[in-house]
Amino acid sequence: MPRKKKNKDNSELDEVLDVDETDDEERVKGGTLWTIIVAVVIIAIWLVIFGLLIKLDVGGFGSTVLRPILKDVPVINRILPDASDEEVAAETGYKYKNLAEAVEHIKELEKQLADYQNNGNASQEQIAQMQAEIDRLKTFEDNQTYYEELKKKFDEEVVYTDNAPDIEEYKKWYEEMNPDNAADIYQQVLLKINYTAQVKAWAEAYSKMDAKSAAAILEEMTGDINLVSDILNNMKSTQRAAILAAMDPVFAAKITKVMHPNEP
């Protein structure tokens, strides 16, 4: 009888040990899974931060380093900053300053092509290359013509709309304005409109992020505090306050100073 009791005790001890081992294995598995989830979230956050830094072209990294490498890669090239007119011209080979230059070159190419075809002085390959160049340039010509038509329509609607100043006022402005100054002002207006649209888009993107993550990115833009200020000013007050609260206090104070300067 004592031996049976001892065997029974050993069996119960083995069961307890098995339960402990199972619990330990489950805890290890649970801890491993949680570690993987946390690691994935951290990586995703840093990828988002890195993508925004590229899109905002902080330090020129997106435009000067990554654009030449990734501009032709589908999907990935969407994170690159928008190309300037000079970059687009360099990438497309469109080296003409205006529509008139492009049209003149098209005419020259068409004349050369006609001469080659009539005289038989060129190979089929040369003729095909010239025709391809003409077709390419005509695409730019069509796009530019369409753009100028839209611009003309917009200008006319601005001048002749019901709420516009009297037409004589426009006439007076145009006559008194220096042509070079008028061109500069027009360019500045276009840049301002484009800048405002971009800032609103960035503000919307940051407002959808976690306040701490957005603050971390904006703090990296120490070289362009005015841009940070503009982005925050385009957010709702609650979103702006949450991001400012998550920032380094000194940096937040500088941003606040730019957003709300003292009255003179």
C-alpha atoms as a PDB file:
ATOM      1  CA  MET A   1       0.000   0.000   0.000  1.00  0.00           C
ATOM      2  CA  PRO A   2       2.717   2.604   0.717  1.00  0.00           C
ATOM      3  CA  ARG A   3       4.253   1.908  -2.701  1.00  0.00           C
ATOM      4  CA  LYS A   4       0.921   2.579  -4.455  1.00  0.00           C
ATOM      5  CA  LYS A   5       0.553   5.822  -2.602  1.00  0.00           C
ATOM      6  CA  LYS A   6       4.043   6.846  -3.612  1.00  0.00           C
ATOM      7  CA  ASN A   7       3.302   6.102  -7.272  1.00  0.00           C
ATOM      8  CA  LYS A   8       0.148   8.153  -7.057  1.00  0.00           C
ATOM      9  CA  ASP A   9       2.062  11.107  -5.606  1.00  0.00           C
ATOM     10  CA  ASN A  10       4.664  10.901  -8.375  1.00  0.00           C
ATOM     11  CA  SER A  11       1.915  10.872 -10.998  1.00  0.00           C
ATOM     12  CA  GLU A  12       0.329  13.990  -9.568  1.00  0.00           C
ATOM     13  CA  LEU A  13       3.734  15.703  -9.428  1.00  0.00           C
ATOM     14  CA  ASP A  14       4.348  14.857 -13.092  1.00  0.00           C
ATOM     15  CA  GLU A  15       0.974  16.330 -14.029  1.00  0.00           C
ATOM     16  CA  VAL A  16       1.774  19.565 -12.186  1.00  0.00           C
ATOM     17  CA  LEU A  17       5.172  19.795 -13.891  1.00  0.00           C
ATOM     18  CA  ASP A  18       3.555  19.206 -17.295  1.00  0.00           C
ATOM     19  CA  VAL A  19       1.049  22.010 -16.656  1.00  0.00           C
ATOM     20  CA  ASP A  20       3.864  24.364 -15.611  1.00  0.00           C
ATOM     21  CA  GLU A  21       5.860  23.531 -18.730  1.00  0.00           C
ATOM     22  CA  THR A  22       2.779  24.146 -20.940  1.00  0.00           C
ATOM     23  CA  ASP A  23       2.160  27.504 -19.270  1.00  0.00           C
ATOM     24  CA  ASP A  24       5.810  28.458 -19.758  1.00  0.00           C
ATOM     25  CA  GLU A  25       5.644  27.526 -23.455  1.00  0.00           C
ATOM     26  CA  GLU A  26       2.453  29.555 -23.934  1.00  0.00           C
ATOM     27  CA  ARG A  27       4.024  32.544 -22.184  1.00  0.00           C
ATOM     28  CA  VAL A  28       7.115  32.284 -24.386  1.00  0.00           C
ATOM     29  CA  LYS A  29       4.967  32.043 -27.529  1.00  0.00           C
ATOM     30  CA  GLY A  30       2.810  34.972 -26.402  1.00  0.00           C
ATOM     31  CA  GLY A  31       5.874  37.072 -25.614  1.00  0.00           C
ATOM     32  CA  THR A  32       7.456  36.266 -28.968  1.00  0.00           C
ATOM     33  CA  LEU A  33       4.278  37.190 -30.850  1.00  0.00           C
ATOM     34  CA  TRP A  34       3.974  40.465 -28.972  1.00  0.00           C
ATOM     35  CA  THR A  35       7.639  41.273 -29.701  1.00  0.00           C
ATOM     36  CA  ILE A  36       7.070  40.647 -33.422  1.00  0.00           C
ATOM     37  CA  ILE A  37       3.961  42.873 -33.459  1.00  0.00           C
ATOM     38  CA  VAL A  38       5.793  45.713 -31.682  1.00  0.00           C
ATOM     39  CA  ALA A  39       8.763  45.391 -34.064  1.00  0.00           C
ATOM     40  CA  VAL A  40       6.461  45.505 -37.121  1.00  0.00           C
ATOM     41  CA  VAL A  41       4.670  48.614 -35.794  1.00  0.00           C
ATOM     42  CA  ILE A  42       7.973  50.389 -35.077  1.00  0.00           C
ATOM     43  CA  ILE A  43       9.299  49.548 -38.550  1.00  0.00           C
ATOM     44  CA  ALA A  44       6.045  50.753 -40.137  1.00  0.00           C
ATOM     45  CA  ILE A  45       6.222  54.058 -38.231  1.00  0.00           C
ATOM     46  CA  TRP A  46       9.827  54.642 -39.315  1.00  0.00           C
ATOM     47  CA  LEU A  47       8.967  53.796 -42.909  1.00  0.00           C
ATOM     48  CA  VAL A  48       6.174  56.379 -42.820  1.00  0.00           C
ATOM     49  CA  ILE A  49       8.531  58.953 -41.310  1.00  0.00           C
ATOM     50  CA  PHE A  50      11.198  58.177 -43.902  1.00  0.00           C
ATOM     51  CA  GLY A  51       8.632  58.404 -46.708  1.00  0.00           C
ATOM     52  CA  LEU A  52       7.402  61.806 -45.522  1.00  0.00           C
ATOM     53  CA  LEU A  53      10.949  63.133 -45.229  1.00  0.00           C
ATOM     54  CA  ILE A  54      11.536  62.057 -48.835  1.00  0.00           C
ATOM     55  CA  LYS A  55       8.219  63.513 -50.044  1.00  0.00           C
ATOM     56  CA  LEU A  56       8.920  66.824 -48.297  1.00  0.00           C
ATOM     57  CA  ASP A  57      12.440  66.732 -49.757  1.00  0.00           C
ATOM     58  CA  VAL A  58      14.039  67.582 -46.424  1.00  0.00           C
ATOM     59  CA  GLY A  59      17.678  68.400 -47.083  1.00  0.00           C
ATOM     60  CA  GLY A  60      17.167  67.798 -50.795  1.00  0.00           C
ATOM     61  CA  PHE A  61      17.592  64.043 -50.262  1.00  0.00           C
ATOM     62  CA  GLY A  62      14.491  63.096 -52.246  1.00  0.00           C
ATOM     63  CA  SER A  63      15.171  65.257 -55.292  1.00  0.00           C
ATOM     64  CA  THR A  64      18.950  65.012 -55.565  1.00  0.00           C
ATOM     65  CA  VAL A  65      19.709  61.478 -54.343  1.00  0.00           C
ATOM     66  CA  LEU A  66      16.652  59.262 -54.741  1.00  0.00           C
ATOM     67  CA  ARG A  67      14.865  60.810 -57.732  1.00  0.00           C
ATOM     68  CA  PRO A  68      17.548  59.898 -60.306  1.00  0.00           C
ATOM     69  CA  ILE A  69      17.464  56.300 -59.014  1.00  0.00           C
ATOM     70  CA  LEU A  70      13.742  55.705 -58.376  1.00  0.00           C
ATOM     71  CA  LYS A  71      11.965  58.029 -60.845  1.00  0.00           C
ATOM     72  CA  ASP A  72      11.289  55.151 -63.261  1.00  0.00           C
ATOM     73  CA  VAL A  73      10.278  52.576 -60.629  1.00  0.00           C
ATOM     74  CA  PRO A  74       6.466  52.130 -60.581  1.00  0.00           C
ATOM     75  CA  VAL A  75       4.622  52.696 -57.270  1.00  0.00           C
ATOM     76  CA  ILE A  76       7.833  53.498 -55.354  1.00  0.00           C
ATOM     77  CA  ASN A  77       8.352  56.701 -57.372  1.00  0.00           C
ATOM     78  CA  ARG A  78       5.133  58.081 -55.849  1.00  0.00           C
ATOM     79  CA  ILE A  79       6.991  58.906 -52.619  1.00  0.00           C
ATOM     80  CA  LEU A  80       9.410  61.166 -54.491  1.00  0.00           C
ATOM     81  CA  PRO A  81       8.938  64.960 -54.282  1.00  0.00           C
ATOM     82  CA  ASP A  82       7.326  66.695 -57.244  1.00  0.00           C
ATOM     83  CA  ALA A  83       9.832  67.475 -59.972  1.00  0.00           C
ATOM     84  CA  SER A  84      10.624  71.070 -60.850  1.00  0.00           C
ATOM     85  CA  ASP A  85      10.197  72.370 -64.377  1.00  0.00           C
ATOM     86  CA  GLU A  86      13.951  72.109 -64.919  1.00  0.00           C
ATOM     87  CA  GLU A  87      14.005  68.478 -63.767  1.00  0.00           C
ATOM     88  CA  VAL A  88      11.065  67.566 -65.974  1.00  0.00           C
ATOM     89  CA  ALA A  89      12.737  69.227 -68.920  1.00  0.00           C
ATOM     90  CA  ALA A  90      15.968  67.353 -68.273  1.00  0.00           C
ATOM     91  CA  GLU A  91      14.188  64.014 -67.865  1.00  0.00           C
ATOM     92  CA  THR A  92      11.993  64.355 -70.934  1.00  0.00           C
ATOM     93  CA  GLY A  93      14.554  66.033 -73.152  1.00  0.00           C
ATOM     94  CA  TYR A  94      12.211  68.989 -73.644  1.00  0.00           C
ATOM     95  CA  LYS A  95      14.792  71.753 -73.947  1.00  0.00           C
ATOM     96  CA  TYR A  96      12.651  74.532 -75.406  1.00  0.00           C
ATOM     97  CA  LYS A  97      11.884  77.662 -73.404  1.00  0.00           C
ATOM     98  CA  ASN A  98       8.455  78.234 -74.914  1.00  0.00           C
ATOM     99  CA  LEU A  99       5.916  76.899 -77.365  1.00  0.00           C
ATOM    100  CA  ALA A 100       7.161  79.063 -80.237  1.00  0.00           C
ATOM    101  CA  GLU A 101      10.639  77.485 -80.104  1.00  0.00           C
ATOM    102  CA  ALA A 102       9.184  73.982 -80.110  1.00  0.00           C
ATOM    103  CA  VAL A 103       6.862  74.754 -83.035  1.00  0.00           C
ATOM    104  CA  GLU A 104       9.746  76.264 -85.014  1.00  0.00           C
ATOM    105  CA  HIS A 105      11.842  73.155 -84.441  1.00  0.00           C
ATOM    106  CA  ILE A 106       8.946  70.922 -85.502  1.00  0.00           C
ATOM    107  CA  LYS A 107       8.684  72.861 -88.750  1.00  0.00           C
ATOM    108  CA  GLU A 108      12.418  72.460 -89.378  1.00  0.00           C
ATOM    109  CA  LEU A 109      12.243  68.730 -88.743  1.00  0.00           C
ATOM    110  CA  GLU A 110       9.197  68.328 -90.981  1.00  0.00           C
ATOM    111  CA  LYS A 111      10.996  70.200 -93.776  1.00  0.00           C
ATOM    112  CA  GLN A 112      14.100  68.039 -93.391  1.00  0.00           C
ATOM    113  CA  LEU A 113      11.965  64.914 -93.347  1.00  0.00           C
ATOM    114  CA  ALA A 114      10.170  65.964 -96.521  1.00  0.00           C
ATOM    115  CA  ASP A 115      13.515  66.672 -98.231  1.00  0.00           C
ATOM    116  CA  TYR A 116      14.900  63.291 -97.221  1.00  0.00           C
ATOM    117  CA  GLN A 117      11.792  61.495 -98.448  1.00  0.00           C
ATOM    118  CA  ASN A 118      11.790  63.365-101.782  1.00  0.00           C
ATOM    119  CA  ASN A 119      15.513  63.053-102.434  1.00  0.00           C
ATOM    120  CA  GLY A 120      16.044  59.593-101.005  1.00  0.00           C
ATOM    121  CA  ASN A 121      19.162  60.779 -99.134  1.00  0.00           C
ATOM    122  CA  ALA A 122      18.255  59.172 -95.810  1.00  0.00           C
ATOM    123  CA  SER A 123      17.809  55.612 -94.641  1.00  0.00           C
ATOM    124  CA  GLN A 124      14.518  54.312 -93.332  1.00  0.00           C
ATOM    125  CA  GLU A 125      16.001  54.308 -89.846  1.00  0.00           C
ATOM    126  CA  GLN A 126      16.896  58.026 -90.023  1.00  0.00           C
ATOM    127  CA  ILE A 127      13.451  58.868 -91.363  1.00  0.00           C
ATOM    128  CA  ALA A 128      11.805  56.842 -88.581  1.00  0.00           C
ATOM    129  CA  GLN A 129      13.897  58.632 -85.939  1.00  0.00           C
ATOM    130  CA  MET A 130      12.969  62.061 -87.299  1.00  0.00           C
ATOM    131  CA  GLN A 131       9.298  61.132 -87.439  1.00  0.00           C
ATOM    132  CA  ALA A 132       9.450  59.875 -83.836  1.00  0.00           C
ATOM    133  CA  GLU A 133      11.030  63.178 -82.743  1.00  0.00           C
ATOM    134  CA  ILE A 134       8.321  65.148 -84.545  1.00  0.00           C
ATOM    135  CA  ASP A 135       5.583  63.069 -82.890  1.00  0.00           C
ATOM    136  CA  ARG A 136       7.197  63.560 -79.484  1.00  0.00           C
ATOM    137  CA  LEU A 137       7.424  67.321 -79.896  1.00  0.00           C
ATOM    138  CA  LYS A 138       3.857  67.563 -81.141  1.00  0.00           C
ATOM    139  CA  THR A 139       2.708  65.944 -77.902  1.00  0.00           C
ATOM    140  CA  PHE A 140       4.358  68.776 -75.974  1.00  0.00           C
ATOM    141  CA  GLU A 141       2.882  71.277 -78.404  1.00  0.00           C
ATOM    142  CA  ASP A 142      -0.647  69.888 -77.905  1.00  0.00           C
ATOM    143  CA  ASN A 143      -0.263  69.922 -74.115  1.00  0.00           C
ATOM    144  CA  GLN A 144       1.146  73.443 -74.101  1.00  0.00           C
ATOM    145  CA  THR A 145      -1.601  74.692 -76.408  1.00  0.00           C
ATOM    146  CA  TYR A 146      -4.257  73.168 -74.160  1.00  0.00           C
ATOM    147  CA  TYR A 147      -2.627  74.743 -71.096  1.00  0.00           C
ATOM    148  CA  GLU A 148      -2.533  78.184 -72.703  1.00  0.00           C
ATOM    149  CA  GLU A 149      -6.181  77.877 -73.730  1.00  0.00           C
ATOM    150  CA  LEU A 150      -7.149  77.095 -70.138  1.00  0.00           C
ATOM    151  CA  LYS A 151      -4.967  79.938 -68.854  1.00  0.00           C
ATOM    152  CA  LYS A 152      -6.537  82.378 -71.328  1.00  0.00           C
ATOM    153  CA  LYS A 153     -10.026  81.284 -70.306  1.00  0.00           C
ATOM    154  CA  PHE A 154      -9.135  81.714 -66.633  1.00  0.00           C
ATOM    155  CA  ASP A 155      -7.658  85.177 -67.238  1.00  0.00           C
ATOM    156  CA  GLU A 156     -10.771  86.265 -69.121  1.00  0.00           C
ATOM    157  CA  GLU A 157     -13.070  84.972 -66.394  1.00  0.00           C
ATOM    158  CA  VAL A 158     -11.044  86.796 -63.735  1.00  0.00           C
ATOM    159  CA  VAL A 159     -11.208  90.066 -65.648  1.00  0.00           C
ATOM    160  CA  TYR A 160     -14.806  89.846 -66.831  1.00  0.00           C
ATOM    161  CA  THR A 161     -16.494  88.175 -63.853  1.00  0.00           C
ATOM    162  CA  ASP A 162     -19.344  90.060 -62.156  1.00  0.00           C
ATOM    163  CA  ASN A 163     -17.326  90.664 -59.000  1.00  0.00           C
ATOM    164  CA  ALA A 164     -14.197  91.877 -60.790  1.00  0.00           C
ATOM    165  CA  PRO A 165     -13.065  95.509 -60.634  1.00  0.00           C
ATOM    166  CA  ASP A 166     -14.041  97.783 -63.479  1.00  0.00           C
ATOM    167  CA  ILE A 167     -12.268  96.919 -66.732  1.00  0.00           C
ATOM    168  CA  GLU A 168     -10.739 100.394 -66.779  1.00  0.00           C
ATOM    169  CA  GLU A 169      -8.994  99.596 -63.509  1.00  0.00           C
ATOM    170  CA  TYR A 170      -7.338  96.535 -65.079  1.00  0.00           C
ATOM    171  CA  LYS A 171      -6.349  98.654 -68.053  1.00  0.00           C
ATOM    172  CA  LYS A 172      -4.786 101.223 -65.740  1.00  0.00           C
ATOM    173  CA  TRP A 173      -2.894  98.553 -63.775  1.00  0.00           C
ATOM    174  CA  TYR A 174      -1.515  96.925 -66.914  1.00  0.00           C
ATOM    175  CA  GLU A 175      -0.435 100.239 -68.449  1.00  0.00           C
ATOM    176  CA  GLU A 176       1.298 101.462 -65.311  1.00  0.00           C
ATOM    177  CA  MET A 177       2.957  98.186 -64.381  1.00  0.00           C
ATOM    178  CA  ASN A 178       6.503  97.513 -65.544  1.00  0.00           C
ATOM    179  CA  PRO A 179       6.444  94.401 -67.807  1.00  0.00           C
ATOM    180  CA  ASP A 180       9.304  92.733 -65.913  1.00  0.00           C
ATOM    181  CA  ASN A 181       7.608  93.420 -62.582  1.00  0.00           C
ATOM    182  CA  ALA A 182       4.325  92.076 -63.927  1.00  0.00           C
ATOM    183  CA  ALA A 183       6.021  88.840 -64.994  1.00  0.00           C
ATOM    184  CA  ASP A 184       7.730  88.490 -61.596  1.00  0.00           C
ATOM    185  CA  ILE A 185       4.500  89.128 -59.701  1.00  0.00           C
ATOM    186  CA  TYR A 186       2.631  86.610 -61.837  1.00  0.00           C
ATOM    187  CA  GLN A 187       5.315  83.998 -61.172  1.00  0.00           C
ATOM    188  CA  GLN A 188       5.181  84.715 -57.436  1.00  0.00           C
ATOM    189  CA  VAL A 189       1.391  84.331 -57.437  1.00  0.00           C
ATOM    190  CA  LEU A 190       1.673  80.937 -59.137  1.00  0.00           C
ATOM    191  CA  LEU A 191       4.334  79.816 -56.672  1.00  0.00           C
ATOM    192  CA  LYS A 192       2.232  81.016 -53.738  1.00  0.00           C
ATOM    193  CA  ILE A 193      -0.835  79.141 -54.980  1.00  0.00           C
ATOM    194  CA  ASN A 194       1.185  75.962 -55.470  1.00  0.00           C
ATOM    195  CA  TYR A 195       2.879  76.339 -52.068  1.00  0.00           C
ATOM    196  CA  THR A 196      -0.459  76.867 -50.301  1.00  0.00           C
ATOM    197  CA  ALA A 197      -1.931  73.755 -51.916  1.00  0.00           C
ATOM    198  CA  GLN A 198       1.089  71.661 -50.894  1.00  0.00           C
ATOM    199  CA  VAL A 199       1.017  72.961 -47.319  1.00  0.00           C
ATOM    200  CA  LYS A 200      -2.674  72.068 -46.990  1.00  0.00           C
ATOM    201  CA  ALA A 201      -1.957  68.566 -48.283  1.00  0.00           C
ATOM    202  CA  TRP A 202       0.917  68.125 -45.803  1.00  0.00           C
ATOM    203  CA  ALA A 203      -1.220  69.470 -42.955  1.00  0.00           C
ATOM    204  CA  GLU A 204      -3.916  66.936 -43.765  1.00  0.00           C
ATOM    205  CA  ALA A 205      -1.355  64.106 -43.853  1.00  0.00           C
ATOM    206  CA  TYR A 206       0.202  65.075 -40.500  1.00  0.00           C
ATOM    207  CA  SER A 207      -3.179  65.561 -38.856  1.00  0.00           C
ATOM    208  CA  LYS A 208      -4.036  61.921 -39.607  1.00  0.00           C
ATOM    209  CA  MET A 209      -0.869  60.698 -37.897  1.00  0.00           C
ATOM    210  CA  ASP A 210      -0.257  60.011 -34.235  1.00  0.00           C
ATOM    211  CA  ALA A 211       0.648  63.334 -32.588  1.00  0.00           C
ATOM    212  CA  LYS A 212       3.943  62.005 -31.236  1.00  0.00           C
ATOM    213  CA  SER A 213       5.045  60.660 -34.652  1.00  0.00           C
ATOM    214  CA  ALA A 214       4.061  63.890 -36.409  1.00  0.00           C
ATOM    215  CA  ALA A 215       5.948  65.934 -33.810  1.00  0.00           C
ATOM    216  CA  ALA A 216       9.076  63.799 -34.277  1.00  0.00           C
ATOM    217  CA  ILE A 217       9.070  64.418 -38.041  1.00  0.00           C
ATOM    218  CA  LEU A 218       8.411  68.144 -37.774  1.00  0.00           C
ATOM    219  CA  GLU A 219      11.196  68.519 -35.229  1.00  0.00           C
ATOM    220  CA  GLU A 220      13.630  67.242 -37.863  1.00  0.00           C
ATOM    221  CA  MET A 221      12.725  70.247 -40.061  1.00  0.00           C
ATOM    222  CA  THR A 222      14.698  72.682 -37.933  1.00  0.00           C
ATOM    223  CA  GLY A 223      16.022  74.398 -41.046  1.00  0.00           C
ATOM    224  CA  ASP A 224      12.570  75.430 -42.224  1.00  0.00           C
ATOM    225  CA  ILE A 225      10.593  76.590 -39.209  1.00  0.00           C
ATOM    226  CA  ASN A 226       8.352  78.766 -41.374  1.00  0.00           C
ATOM    227  CA  LEU A 227       7.156  75.691 -43.291  1.00  0.00           C
ATOM    228  CA  VAL A 228       6.456  73.856 -40.025  1.00  0.00           C
ATOM    229  CA  SER A 229       4.515  76.892 -38.838  1.00  0.00           C
ATOM    230  CA  ASP A 230       2.459  77.004 -42.033  1.00  0.00           C
ATOM    231  CA  ILE A 231       1.665  73.282 -41.790  1.00  0.00           C
ATOM    232  CA  LEU A 232       0.470  73.603 -38.192  1.00  0.00           C
ATOM    233  CA  ASN A 233      -1.552  76.730 -38.996  1.00  0.00           C
ATOM    234  CA  ASN A 234      -3.491  74.710 -41.568  1.00  0.00           C
ATOM    235  CA  MET A 235      -4.633  72.180 -38.939  1.00  0.00           C
ATOM    236  CA  LYS A 236      -7.524  72.270 -36.517  1.00  0.00           C
ATOM    237  CA  SER A 237      -6.614  73.777 -33.170  1.00  0.00           C
ATOM    238  CA  THR A 238      -7.002  70.459 -31.313  1.00  0.00           C
ATOM    239  CA  GLN A 239      -4.670  68.643 -33.736  1.00  0.00           C
ATOM    240  CA  ARG A 240      -2.159  71.489 -33.621  1.00  0.00           C
ATOM    241  CA  ALA A 241      -2.199  71.545 -29.826  1.00  0.00           C
ATOM    242  CA  ALA A 242      -1.627  67.780 -29.579  1.00  0.00           C
ATOM    243  CA  ILE A 243       1.402  67.920 -31.877  1.00  0.00           C
ATOM    244  CA  LEU A 244       2.890  70.964 -30.115  1.00  0.00           C
ATOM    245  CA  ALA A 245       2.448  69.223 -26.762  1.00  0.00           C
ATOM    246  CA  ALA A 246       4.386  66.209 -28.066  1.00  0.00           C
ATOM    247  CA  MET A 247       7.297  68.357 -29.280  1.00  0.00           C
ATOM    248  CA  ASP A 248      10.435  69.364 -27.470  1.00  0.00           C
ATOM    249  CA  PRO A 249       9.349  72.407 -25.402  1.00  0.00           C
ATOM    250  CA  VAL A 250      12.094  74.657 -26.787  1.00  0.00           C
ATOM    251  CA  PHE A 251      11.258  73.804 -30.399  1.00  0.00           C
ATOM    252  CA  ALA A 252       7.518  74.163 -29.718  1.00  0.00           C
ATOM    253  CA  ALA A 253       8.167  77.617 -28.256  1.00  0.00           C
ATOM    254  CA  LYS A 254      10.066  78.665 -31.395  1.00  0.00           C
ATOM    255  CA  ILE A 255       7.248  77.420 -33.625  1.00  0.00           C
ATOM    256  CA  THR A 256       4.658  79.229 -31.523  1.00  0.00           C
ATOM    257  CA  LYS A 257       6.690  82.426 -31.783  1.00  0.00           C
ATOM    258  CA  VAL A 258       6.688  82.146 -35.584  1.00  0.00           C
ATOM    259  CA  MET A 259       2.965  81.345 -35.747  1.00  0.00           C
ATOM    260  CA  HIS A 260       1.992  84.173 -33.417  1.00  0.00           C
ATOM    261  CA  PRO A 261       4.610  86.954 -33.564  1.00  0.00           C
ATOM    262  CA  ASN A 262       4.328  89.864 -31.165  1.00  0.00           C
ATOM    263  CA  GLU A 263       2.429  92.841 -32.437  1.00  0.00           C
ATOM    264  CA  PRO A 264       4.751  95.744 -33.449  1.00  0.00           C
END
